[in-house]
Amino acid sequence: METFMVVSTFTAGTDMTEVMSVVAEEQAKVQELKDLGHIGALYLATRDRGTVFLEIFAADIEAARSTVMSLPMSKWWELDIYPLNAPVARDASASKA
C-alpha cells in the first residue's frame, strides 16, 4: 500500500446547502473507508479555503482517486493527488557528516 495526500477543493459556485445535505452520508462513508484501512487522517479547511485534505492508502494513484470518488461530496471537488514519501528522520543527515 502507498500513501497519498488528496487535496479536495470545492469547485467554484458549489451550493454549500447541497453539500450540507449529504454530511451524514459522507461521515458514514468516511468511517467505512477508515474501517477498511483506506482513509487515515482527514482535515477540513472549508471555512475560508473550501478544501478537504484526505490521507489515502491505496495500491496506486488511480486506486486513491477511486477511493476519494466513492465519497458523496466528491462530485463537488477538484482533486490534486500527491504520492507521499516516507518521512526522513531529523538526525539522518547529521549522522552522515
Protein backbone atom coordinates (compact mmCIF):
# COMPACT_ATOMS: atom_id res chain seq x y z
CA MET A 1 0.00 0.00 0.00
CA GLU A 2 1.14 3.50 -0.83
CA THR A 3 0.14 6.67 0.99
CA PHE A 4 -1.36 9.67 -0.80
CA MET A 5 -2.44 13.13 0.28
CA VAL A 6 -5.50 14.22 -1.66
CA VAL A 7 -6.31 17.90 -1.68
CA SER A 8 -10.00 18.16 -2.49
CA THR A 9 -11.18 21.68 -3.31
CA PHE A 10 -14.83 22.59 -3.77
CA THR A 11 -15.43 23.87 -7.29
CA ALA A 12 -16.38 27.50 -7.72
CA GLY A 13 -20.10 28.06 -7.39
CA THR A 14 -20.76 24.97 -5.28
CA ASP A 15 -24.05 25.31 -3.41
CA MET A 16 -23.00 24.54 0.14
CA THR A 17 -26.64 23.88 1.06
CA GLU A 18 -26.48 20.85 -1.23
CA VAL A 19 -23.18 19.80 0.31
CA MET A 20 -24.61 20.03 3.82
CA SER A 21 -27.49 17.78 2.81
CA VAL A 22 -25.08 14.83 2.39
CA VAL A 23 -22.98 15.34 5.55
CA ALA A 24 -24.39 12.29 7.38
CA GLU A 25 -23.92 10.11 4.29
CA GLU A 26 -20.36 11.45 3.87
CA GLN A 27 -19.48 10.77 7.50
CA ALA A 28 -20.78 7.19 7.27
CA LYS A 29 -18.77 6.53 4.09
CA VAL A 30 -15.61 8.04 5.59
CA GLN A 31 -15.98 5.79 8.65
CA GLU A 32 -16.50 2.75 6.42
CA LEU A 33 -13.34 3.58 4.45
CA LYS A 34 -11.39 4.20 7.67
CA ASP A 35 -12.52 0.82 8.99
CA LEU A 36 -11.28 -0.78 5.75
CA GLY A 37 -7.92 0.97 6.09
CA HIS A 38 -8.35 3.18 3.01
CA ILE A 39 -8.56 6.55 4.78
CA GLY A 40 -6.29 7.77 7.56
CA ALA A 41 -6.36 11.41 8.58
CA LEU A 42 -8.96 13.86 7.35
CA TYR A 43 -8.64 17.62 7.79
CA LEU A 44 -11.17 20.31 6.88
CA ALA A 45 -10.29 23.84 5.82
CA THR A 46 -13.73 24.62 4.44
CA ARG A 47 -14.44 27.91 6.21
CA ASP A 48 -12.03 30.09 4.25
CA ARG A 49 -10.47 27.79 1.68
CA GLY A 50 -13.15 25.26 0.67
CA THR A 51 -10.63 22.45 0.95
CA VAL A 52 -10.58 18.94 2.42
CA PHE A 53 -7.31 17.06 2.98
CA LEU A 54 -7.51 13.26 2.91
CA GLU A 55 -4.78 10.75 3.74
CA ILE A 56 -5.48 7.81 1.44
CA PHE A 57 -3.91 4.34 1.48
CA ALA A 58 -4.09 2.63 -1.91
CA ALA A 59 -2.12 0.46 -4.33
CA ASP A 60 -1.63 3.31 -6.81
CA ILE A 61 -2.82 6.79 -7.75
CA GLU A 62 -5.86 5.50 -9.64
CA ALA A 63 -6.99 3.44 -6.66
CA ALA A 64 -6.51 6.52 -4.47
CA ARG A 65 -8.66 8.57 -6.88
CA SER A 66 -11.30 5.85 -6.90
CA THR A 67 -11.43 5.81 -3.10
CA VAL A 68 -11.98 9.57 -2.94
CA MET A 69 -14.53 9.49 -5.75
CA SER A 70 -16.59 6.99 -3.74
CA LEU A 71 -17.34 9.76 -1.23
CA PRO A 72 -20.69 11.54 -1.68
CA MET A 73 -19.10 15.02 -1.63
CA SER A 74 -16.57 14.16 -4.33
CA LYS A 75 -18.96 15.31 -7.08
CA TRP A 76 -18.24 18.89 -5.95
CA TRP A 77 -14.45 18.51 -5.69
CA GLU A 78 -11.44 19.12 -7.87
CA LEU A 79 -8.73 16.68 -6.81
CA ASP A 80 -4.99 17.11 -6.56
CA ILE A 81 -3.34 13.82 -5.58
CA TYR A 82 0.16 13.64 -4.12
CA PRO A 83 2.06 10.37 -3.60
CA LEU A 84 3.85 10.72 -0.24
CA ASN A 85 7.38 9.70 0.64
CA ALA A 86 8.26 8.07 3.92
CA PRO A 87 9.35 10.68 6.45
CA VAL A 88 13.07 11.26 6.87
CA ALA A 89 14.42 11.10 10.40
CA ARG A 90 15.54 14.51 11.66
CA ASP A 91 19.04 13.38 12.54
CA ALA A 92 19.55 11.24 9.42
CA SER A 93 21.53 13.90 7.57
CA ALA A 94 23.57 14.77 10.67
CA SER A 95 24.72 11.17 11.11
CA LYS A 96 26.23 11.18 7.61
CA ALA A 97 28.55 14.10 8.36
